[in-house]
Every structure is written in structure tokens, then in C-alpha cells.
Amino acid sequence: MSRLIEYLRDRLKIVIGCCYGVLGLIIFLACYVDRHHAHTMAEQKIPFFWSLFGFIAAVVIIRVAGWFGKSGIQTSEDYYDR
């Protein structure tokens, strides 16, 4: 497993290019999704609705988790020494 990680790390530009290529393919294919049988009005009117919804939800979850962690869960290493 470490050989694979080192192999990919040595070819980072190729890996990033492949990721962008897959992302572009997904966006291209999303343009051809049939929205005629959508369940909600938002699905019909907003292109890439579920992709945007998922991205925004992930950002909100990360922000809330960061705030929650800094509000008391994450403590300094010398917490018990004080």
C-alpha cells in the first residue's frame, strides 16, 4: 500500500489531471439527465440541484463540526496539568 501511495505522490500532476477529467465527465453527463420526471420543482428549475445541495450540505456540516469542536471539545494538551 505504501508503494502505491509513493507512486501516486510522485505523479501528483497526473493524479490531479485525472480527478479533473472525472469531474468534467460527471458534469458533462449531468447535462443529459432527464429532468422531466423530477420529484420537486427545484429539480426541474435548478441545473445540478442535487450536486449543489450535496456540496452546500457538506460545507455546512464541516463548518458546524469545526465550530462545535472549538466550542469545547478540542482542548489544549496541558488541560489536565492546569
PDB file of N, CA and C in Angstrom:
ATOM      1  N   MET A   1       0.815  -1.184   0.000  1.00  0.00           N
ATOM      2  CA  MET A   1       0.000   0.000   0.000  1.00  0.00           C
ATOM      3  C   MET A   1       0.869   1.264   0.000  1.00  0.00           C
ATOM      4  N   SER A   2       1.971   1.213   0.732  1.00  0.00           N
ATOM      5  CA  SER A   2       2.842   2.387   0.771  1.00  0.00           C
ATOM      6  C   SER A   2       3.497   2.635  -0.586  1.00  0.00           C
ATOM      7  N   ARG A   3       3.752   1.559  -1.332  1.00  0.00           N
ATOM      8  CA  ARG A   3       4.317   1.745  -2.684  1.00  0.00           C
ATOM      9  C   ARG A   3       3.337   2.474  -3.592  1.00  0.00           C
ATOM     10  N   LEU A   4       2.054   2.125  -3.465  1.00  0.00           N
ATOM     11  CA  LEU A   4       1.030   2.785  -4.276  1.00  0.00           C
ATOM     12  C   LEU A   4       0.959   4.274  -3.938  1.00  0.00           C
ATOM     13  N   ILE A   5       0.986   4.591  -2.661  1.00  0.00           N
ATOM     14  CA  ILE A   5       0.932   5.993  -2.242  1.00  0.00           C
ATOM     15  C   ILE A   5       2.155   6.751  -2.747  1.00  0.00           C
ATOM     16  N   GLU A   6       3.313   6.160  -2.638  1.00  0.00           N
ATOM     17  CA  GLU A   6       4.523   6.816  -3.142  1.00  0.00           C
ATOM     18  C   GLU A   6       4.483   6.976  -4.659  1.00  0.00           C
ATOM     19  N   TYR A   7       3.970   5.954  -5.352  1.00  0.00           N
ATOM     20  CA  TYR A   7       3.847   6.012  -6.809  1.00  0.00           C
ATOM     21  C   TYR A   7       2.930   7.166  -7.219  1.00  0.00           C
ATOM     22  N   LEU A   8       1.781   7.283  -6.532  1.00  0.00           N
ATOM     23  CA  LEU A   8       0.844   8.358  -6.859  1.00  0.00           C
ATOM     24  C   LEU A   8       1.394   9.718  -6.448  1.00  0.00           C
ATOM     25  N   ARG A   9       2.119   9.776  -5.348  1.00  0.00           N
ATOM     26  CA  ARG A   9       2.702  11.032  -4.894  1.00  0.00           C
ATOM     27  C   ARG A   9       3.741  11.533  -5.889  1.00  0.00           C
ATOM     28  N   ASP A  10       4.489  10.624  -6.488  1.00  0.00           N
ATOM     29  CA  ASP A  10       5.492  11.014  -7.475  1.00  0.00           C
ATOM     30  C   ASP A  10       4.859  11.528  -8.762  1.00  0.00           C
ATOM     31  N   ARG A  11       3.645  11.136  -9.024  1.00  0.00           N
ATOM     32  CA  ARG A  11       2.928  11.542 -10.236  1.00  0.00           C
ATOM     33  C   ARG A  11       1.689  12.367  -9.890  1.00  0.00           C
ATOM     34  N   LEU A  12       1.859  13.331  -9.015  1.00  0.00           N
ATOM     35  CA  LEU A  12       0.747  14.114  -8.483  1.00  0.00           C
ATOM     36  C   LEU A  12       0.009  14.902  -9.565  1.00  0.00           C
ATOM     37  N   LYS A  13       0.732  15.465 -10.518  1.00  0.00           N
ATOM     38  CA  LYS A  13       0.071  16.242 -11.578  1.00  0.00           C
ATOM     39  C   LYS A  13      -0.839  15.357 -12.426  1.00  0.00           C
ATOM     40  N   ILE A  14      -0.424  14.137 -12.673  1.00  0.00           N
ATOM     41  CA  ILE A  14      -1.263  13.205 -13.449  1.00  0.00           C
ATOM     42  C   ILE A  14      -2.508  12.840 -12.647  1.00  0.00           C
ATOM     43  N   VAL A  15      -2.351  12.604 -11.352  1.00  0.00           N
ATOM     44  CA  VAL A  15      -3.494  12.252 -10.493  1.00  0.00           C
ATOM     45  C   VAL A  15      -4.490  13.402 -10.455  1.00  0.00           C
ATOM     46  N   ILE A  16      -3.994  14.623 -10.287  1.00  0.00           N
ATOM     47  CA  ILE A  16      -4.878  15.792 -10.259  1.00  0.00           C
ATOM     48  C   ILE A  16      -5.574  15.958 -11.605  1.00  0.00           C
ATOM     49  N   GLY A  17      -4.868  15.763 -12.687  1.00  0.00           N
ATOM     50  CA  GLY A  17      -5.474  15.843 -14.017  1.00  0.00           C
ATOM     51  C   GLY A  17      -6.561  14.805 -14.213  1.00  0.00           C
ATOM     52  N   CYS A  18      -6.318  13.591 -13.738  1.00  0.00           N
ATOM     53  CA  CYS A  18      -7.341  12.543 -13.828  1.00  0.00           C
ATOM     54  C   CYS A  18      -8.575  12.897 -13.009  1.00  0.00           C
ATOM     55  N   CYS A  19      -8.364  13.472 -11.826  1.00  0.00           N
ATOM     56  CA  CYS A  19      -9.503  13.880 -10.993  1.00  0.00           C
ATOM     57  C   CYS A  19     -10.322  14.970 -11.681  1.00  0.00           C
ATOM     58  N   TYR A  20      -9.635  15.937 -12.284  1.00  0.00           N
ATOM     59  CA  TYR A  20     -10.355  16.979 -13.031  1.00  0.00           C
ATOM     60  C   TYR A  20     -11.081  16.381 -14.233  1.00  0.00           C
ATOM     61  N   GLY A  21     -10.477  15.412 -14.882  1.00  0.00           N
ATOM     62  CA  GLY A  21     -11.127  14.761 -16.011  1.00  0.00           C
ATOM     63  C   GLY A  21     -12.394  14.022 -15.600  1.00  0.00           C
ATOM     64  N   VAL A  22     -12.332  13.307 -14.485  1.00  0.00           N
ATOM     65  CA  VAL A  22     -13.519  12.606 -13.986  1.00  0.00           C
ATOM     66  C   VAL A  22     -14.595  13.607 -13.586  1.00  0.00           C
ATOM     67  N   LEU A  23     -14.204  14.697 -12.937  1.00  0.00           N
ATOM     68  CA  LEU A  23     -15.162  15.735 -12.566  1.00  0.00           C
ATOM     69  C   LEU A  23     -15.819  16.342 -13.799  1.00  0.00           C
ATOM     70  N   GLY A  24     -15.027  16.612 -14.825  1.00  0.00           N
ATOM     71  CA  GLY A  24     -15.583  17.136 -16.080  1.00  0.00           C
ATOM     72  C   GLY A  24     -16.535  16.159 -16.737  1.00  0.00           C
ATOM     73  N   LEU A  25     -16.199  14.873 -16.705  1.00  0.00           N
ATOM     74  CA  LEU A  25     -17.087  13.852 -17.266  1.00  0.00           C
ATOM     75  C   LEU A  25     -18.409  13.795 -16.510  1.00  0.00           C
ATOM     76  N   ILE A  26     -18.345  13.891 -15.192  1.00  0.00           N
ATOM     77  CA  ILE A  26     -19.566  13.878 -14.387  1.00  0.00           C
ATOM     78  C   ILE A  26     -20.430  15.090 -14.711  1.00  0.00           C
ATOM     79  N   ILE A  27     -19.808  16.253 -14.840  1.00  0.00           N
ATOM     80  CA  ILE A  27     -20.569  17.460 -15.171  1.00  0.00           C
ATOM     81  C   ILE A  27     -21.174  17.338 -16.565  1.00  0.00           C
ATOM     82  N   PHE A  28     -20.409  16.807 -17.505  1.00  0.00           N
ATOM     83  CA  PHE A  28     -20.911  16.623 -18.867  1.00  0.00           C
ATOM     84  C   PHE A  28     -22.112  15.672 -18.877  1.00  0.00           C
ATOM     85  N   LEU A  29     -21.997  14.561 -18.170  1.00  0.00           N
ATOM     86  CA  LEU A  29     -23.095  13.594 -18.141  1.00  0.00           C
ATOM     87  C   LEU A  29     -24.305  14.126 -17.382  1.00  0.00           C
ATOM     88  N   ALA A  30     -24.079  14.991 -16.403  1.00  0.00           N
ATOM     89  CA  ALA A  30     -25.194  15.565 -15.649  1.00  0.00           C
ATOM     90  C   ALA A  30     -26.051  16.471 -16.524  1.00  0.00           C
ATOM     91  N   CYS A  31     -25.484  16.999 -17.596  1.00  0.00           N
ATOM     92  CA  CYS A  31     -26.259  17.841 -18.511  1.00  0.00           C
ATOM     93  C   CYS A  31     -27.316  17.032 -19.258  1.00  0.00           C
ATOM     94  N   TYR A  32     -27.117  15.736 -19.353  1.00  0.00           N
ATOM     95  CA  TYR A  32     -28.031  14.897 -20.122  1.00  0.00           C
ATOM     96  C   TYR A  32     -28.996  14.096 -19.255  1.00  0.00           C
ATOM     97  N   VAL A  33     -29.074  14.423 -17.971  1.00  0.00           N
ATOM     98  CA  VAL A  33     -30.021  13.744 -17.096  1.00  0.00           C
ATOM     99  C   VAL A  33     -31.415  14.258 -17.414  1.00  0.00           C
ATOM    100  N   ASP A  34     -32.346  13.345 -17.555  1.00  0.00           N
ATOM    101  CA  ASP A  34     -33.727  13.706 -17.858  1.00  0.00           C
ATOM    102  C   ASP A  34     -34.384  14.302 -16.621  1.00  0.00           C
ATOM    103  N   ARG A  35     -34.775  15.568 -16.711  1.00  0.00           N
ATOM    104  CA  ARG A  35     -35.416  16.230 -15.579  1.00  0.00           C
ATOM    105  C   ARG A  35     -36.938  16.264 -15.742  1.00  0.00           C
ATOM    106  N   HIS A  36     -37.450  15.569 -16.720  1.00  0.00           N
ATOM    107  CA  HIS A  36     -38.887  15.582 -16.967  1.00  0.00           C
ATOM    108  C   HIS A  36     -39.659  14.918 -15.832  1.00  0.00           C
ATOM    109  N   HIS A  37     -39.096  13.891 -15.232  1.00  0.00           N
ATOM    110  CA  HIS A  37     -39.776  13.152 -14.173  1.00  0.00           C
ATOM    111  C   HIS A  37     -39.222  13.518 -12.791  1.00  0.00           C
ATOM    112  N   ALA A  38     -38.845  14.764 -12.612  1.00  0.00           N
ATOM    113  CA  ALA A  38     -38.307  15.208 -11.325  1.00  0.00           C
ATOM    114  C   ALA A  38     -39.406  15.208 -10.279  1.00  0.00           C
ATOM    115  N   HIS A  39     -38.998  15.008  -9.029  1.00  0.00           N
ATOM    116  CA  HIS A  39     -39.975  14.923  -7.943  1.00  0.00           C
ATOM    117  C   HIS A  39     -40.318  16.287  -7.353  1.00  0.00           C
ATOM    118  N   THR A  40     -39.424  17.241  -7.447  1.00  0.00           N
ATOM    119  CA  THR A  40     -39.665  18.559  -6.876  1.00  0.00           C
ATOM    120  C   THR A  40     -39.458  19.631  -7.940  1.00  0.00           C
ATOM    121  N   MET A  41     -39.989  20.801  -7.661  1.00  0.00           N
ATOM    122  CA  MET A  41     -39.848  21.923  -8.588  1.00  0.00           C
ATOM    123  C   MET A  41     -38.379  22.361  -8.681  1.00  0.00           C
ATOM    124  N   ALA A  42     -37.651  22.260  -7.570  1.00  0.00           N
ATOM    125  CA  ALA A  42     -36.247  22.667  -7.576  1.00  0.00           C
ATOM    126  C   ALA A  42     -35.436  21.799  -8.528  1.00  0.00           C
ATOM    127  N   GLU A  43     -35.741  20.510  -8.587  1.00  0.00           N
ATOM    128  CA  GLU A  43     -35.028  19.613  -9.502  1.00  0.00           C
ATOM    129  C   GLU A  43     -35.253  19.999 -10.956  1.00  0.00           C
ATOM    130  N   GLN A  44     -36.435  20.500 -11.258  1.00  0.00           N
ATOM    131  CA  GLN A  44     -36.755  20.873 -12.628  1.00  0.00           C
ATOM    132  C   GLN A  44     -36.135  22.212 -13.014  1.00  0.00           C
ATOM    133  N   LYS A  45     -36.077  23.144 -12.080  1.00  0.00           N
ATOM    134  CA  LYS A  45     -35.665  24.510 -12.408  1.00  0.00           C
ATOM    135  C   LYS A  45     -34.172  24.764 -12.239  1.00  0.00           C
ATOM    136  N   ILE A  46     -33.544  24.130 -11.260  1.00  0.00           N
ATOM    137  CA  ILE A  46     -32.138  24.424 -10.959  1.00  0.00           C
ATOM    138  C   ILE A  46     -31.264  23.323 -11.539  1.00  0.00           C
ATOM    139  N   PRO A  47     -30.394  23.667 -12.491  1.00  0.00           N
ATOM    140  CA  PRO A  47     -29.497  22.634 -13.015  1.00  0.00           C
ATOM    141  C   PRO A  47     -28.509  22.180 -11.942  1.00  0.00           C
ATOM    142  N   PHE A  48     -28.184  20.908 -11.933  1.00  0.00           N
ATOM    143  CA  PHE A  48     -27.268  20.302 -10.958  1.00  0.00           C
ATOM    144  C   PHE A  48     -27.748  20.507  -9.526  1.00  0.00           C
ATOM    145  N   PHE A  49     -29.070  20.446  -9.302  1.00  0.00           N
ATOM    146  CA  PHE A  49     -29.638  20.732  -7.984  1.00  0.00           C
ATOM    147  C   PHE A  49     -29.048  19.836  -6.903  1.00  0.00           C
ATOM    148  N   TRP A  50     -29.057  18.528  -7.127  1.00  0.00           N
ATOM    149  CA  TRP A  50     -28.596  17.614  -6.080  1.00  0.00           C
ATOM    150  C   TRP A  50     -27.086  17.720  -5.868  1.00  0.00           C
ATOM    151  N   SER A  51     -26.336  18.044  -6.892  1.00  0.00           N
ATOM    152  CA  SER A  51     -24.900  18.261  -6.713  1.00  0.00           C
ATOM    153  C   SER A  51     -24.647  19.503  -5.864  1.00  0.00           C
ATOM    154  N   LEU A  52     -25.346  20.568  -6.162  1.00  0.00           N
ATOM    155  CA  LEU A  52     -25.217  21.785  -5.366  1.00  0.00           C
ATOM    156  C   LEU A  52     -25.703  21.571  -3.940  1.00  0.00           C
ATOM    157  N   PHE A  53     -26.807  20.875  -3.793  1.00  0.00           N
ATOM    158  CA  PHE A  53     -27.351  20.588  -2.468  1.00  0.00           C
ATOM    159  C   PHE A  53     -26.351  19.801  -1.631  1.00  0.00           C
ATOM    160  N   GLY A  54     -25.750  18.780  -2.217  1.00  0.00           N
ATOM    161  CA  GLY A  54     -24.771  17.963  -1.510  1.00  0.00           C
ATOM    162  C   GLY A  54     -23.530  18.753  -1.136  1.00  0.00           C
ATOM    163  N   PHE A  55     -23.060  19.595  -2.048  1.00  0.00           N
ATOM    164  CA  PHE A  55     -21.876  20.412  -1.769  1.00  0.00           C
ATOM    165  C   PHE A  55     -22.144  21.395  -0.648  1.00  0.00           C
ATOM    166  N   ILE A  56     -23.273  22.078  -0.706  1.00  0.00           N
ATOM    167  CA  ILE A  56     -23.617  23.048   0.342  1.00  0.00           C
ATOM    168  C   ILE A  56     -23.810  22.347   1.676  1.00  0.00           C
ATOM    169  N   ALA A  57     -24.451  21.173   1.665  1.00  0.00           N
ATOM    170  CA  ALA A  57     -24.634  20.416   2.906  1.00  0.00           C
ATOM    171  C   ALA A  57     -23.295  19.996   3.494  1.00  0.00           C
ATOM    172  N   ALA A  58     -22.358  19.574   2.656  1.00  0.00           N
ATOM    173  CA  ALA A  58     -21.036  19.182   3.151  1.00  0.00           C
ATOM    174  C   ALA A  58     -20.307  20.376   3.763  1.00  0.00           C
ATOM    175  N   VAL A  59     -20.389  21.529   3.127  1.00  0.00           N
ATOM    176  CA  VAL A  59     -19.748  22.734   3.666  1.00  0.00           C
ATOM    177  C   VAL A  59     -20.358  23.099   5.018  1.00  0.00           C
ATOM    178  N   VAL A  60     -21.679  23.035   5.116  1.00  0.00           N
ATOM    179  CA  VAL A  60     -22.352  23.355   6.386  1.00  0.00           C
ATOM    180  C   VAL A  60     -21.938  22.372   7.475  1.00  0.00           C
ATOM    181  N   ILE A  61     -21.905  21.077   7.158  1.00  0.00           N
ATOM    182  CA  ILE A  61     -21.508  20.071   8.147  1.00  0.00           C
ATOM    183  C   ILE A  61     -20.084  20.315   8.624  1.00  0.00           C
ATOM    184  N   ILE A  62     -19.166  20.627   7.714  1.00  0.00           N
ATOM    185  CA  ILE A  62     -17.776  20.879   8.093  1.00  0.00           C
ATOM    186  C   ILE A  62     -17.673  22.118   8.969  1.00  0.00           C
ATOM    187  N   ARG A  63     -18.383  23.174   8.615  1.00  0.00           N
ATOM    188  CA  ARG A  63     -18.346  24.408   9.409  1.00  0.00           C
ATOM    189  C   ARG A  63     -18.929  24.190  10.801  1.00  0.00           C
ATOM    190  N   VAL A  64     -20.055  23.502  10.891  1.00  0.00           N
ATOM    191  CA  VAL A  64     -20.682  23.237  12.190  1.00  0.00           C
ATOM    192  C   VAL A  64     -19.782  22.351  13.040  1.00  0.00           C
ATOM    193  N   ALA A  65     -19.168  21.347  12.436  1.00  0.00           N
ATOM    194  CA  ALA A  65     -18.270  20.471  13.177  1.00  0.00           C
ATOM    195  C   ALA A  65     -17.058  21.246  13.690  1.00  0.00           C
ATOM    196  N   GLY A  66     -16.521  22.146  12.896  1.00  0.00           N
ATOM    197  CA  GLY A  66     -15.403  22.973  13.339  1.00  0.00           C
ATOM    198  C   GLY A  66     -15.792  23.879  14.486  1.00  0.00           C
ATOM    199  N   TRP A  67     -16.948  24.510  14.370  1.00  0.00           N
ATOM    200  CA  TRP A  67     -17.422  25.371  15.447  1.00  0.00           C
ATOM    201  C   TRP A  67     -17.665  24.558  16.714  1.00  0.00           C
ATOM    202  N   PHE A  68     -18.284  23.404  16.554  1.00  0.00           N
ATOM    203  CA  PHE A  68     -18.588  22.548  17.694  1.00  0.00           C
ATOM    204  C   PHE A  68     -17.305  22.071  18.362  1.00  0.00           C
ATOM    205  N   GLY A  69     -16.305  21.734  17.562  1.00  0.00           N
ATOM    206  CA  GLY A  69     -15.032  21.291  18.117  1.00  0.00           C
ATOM    207  C   GLY A  69     -14.328  22.390  18.880  1.00  0.00           C
ATOM    208  N   LYS A  70     -14.363  23.601  18.352  1.00  0.00           N
ATOM    209  CA  LYS A  70     -13.677  24.713  19.011  1.00  0.00           C
ATOM    210  C   LYS A  70     -14.449  25.236  20.215  1.00  0.00           C
ATOM    211  N   SER A  71     -15.717  24.874  20.324  1.00  0.00           N
ATOM    212  CA  SER A  71     -16.515  25.381  21.441  1.00  0.00           C
ATOM    213  C   SER A  71     -16.282  24.605  22.726  1.00  0.00           C
ATOM    214  N   GLY A  72     -15.436  23.601  22.721  1.00  0.00           N
ATOM    215  CA  GLY A  72     -15.160  22.934  23.976  1.00  0.00           C
ATOM    216  C   GLY A  72     -14.654  21.514  23.840  1.00  0.00           C
ATOM    217  N   ILE A  73     -14.878  20.884  22.728  1.00  0.00           N
ATOM    218  CA  ILE A  73     -14.420  19.503  22.565  1.00  0.00           C
ATOM    219  C   ILE A  73     -12.914  19.460  22.419  1.00  0.00           C
ATOM    220  N   GLN A  74     -12.368  20.339  21.607  1.00  0.00           N
ATOM    221  CA  GLN A  74     -10.921  20.385  21.428  1.00  0.00           C
ATOM    222  C   GLN A  74     -10.322  21.198  22.576  1.00  0.00           C
ATOM    223  N   THR A  75      -9.488  20.567  23.345  1.00  0.00           N
ATOM    224  CA  THR A  75      -8.842  21.267  24.445  1.00  0.00           C
ATOM    225  C   THR A  75      -7.336  21.234  24.228  1.00  0.00           C
ATOM    226  N   SER A  76      -6.652  22.068  24.959  1.00  0.00           N
ATOM    227  CA  SER A  76      -5.203  22.092  24.833  1.00  0.00           C
ATOM    228  C   SER A  76      -4.609  20.830  25.438  1.00  0.00           C
ATOM    229  N   GLU A  77      -3.390  20.526  25.064  1.00  0.00           N
ATOM    230  CA  GLU A  77      -2.755  19.293  25.522  1.00  0.00           C
ATOM    231  C   GLU A  77      -2.458  19.312  27.015  1.00  0.00           C
ATOM    232  N   ASP A  78      -2.272  20.484  27.577  1.00  0.00           N
ATOM    233  CA  ASP A  78      -1.965  20.570  29.007  1.00  0.00           C
ATOM    234  C   ASP A  78      -3.215  20.797  29.848  1.00  0.00           C
ATOM    235  N   TYR A  79      -4.334  20.348  29.392  1.00  0.00           N
ATOM    236  CA  TYR A  79      -5.603  20.548  30.085  1.00  0.00           C
ATOM    237  C   TYR A  79      -5.569  19.961  31.491  1.00  0.00           C
ATOM    238  N   TYR A  80      -5.070  18.740  31.635  1.00  0.00           N
ATOM    239  CA  TYR A  80      -5.064  18.087  32.937  1.00  0.00           C
ATOM    240  C   TYR A  80      -3.954  18.596  33.850  1.00  0.00           C
ATOM    241  N   ASP A  81      -2.942  19.256  33.300  1.00  0.00           N
ATOM    242  CA  ASP A  81      -1.860  19.781  34.107  1.00  0.00           C
ATOM    243  C   ASP A  81      -2.232  21.079  34.820  1.00  0.00           C
ATOM    244  N   ARG A  82      -3.248  21.743  34.347  1.00  0.00           N
ATOM    245  CA  ARG A  82      -3.661  23.012  34.964  1.00  0.00           C
ATOM    246  C   ARG A  82      -4.433  22.804  36.229  1.00  0.00           C
TER     247      ARG A  82
END
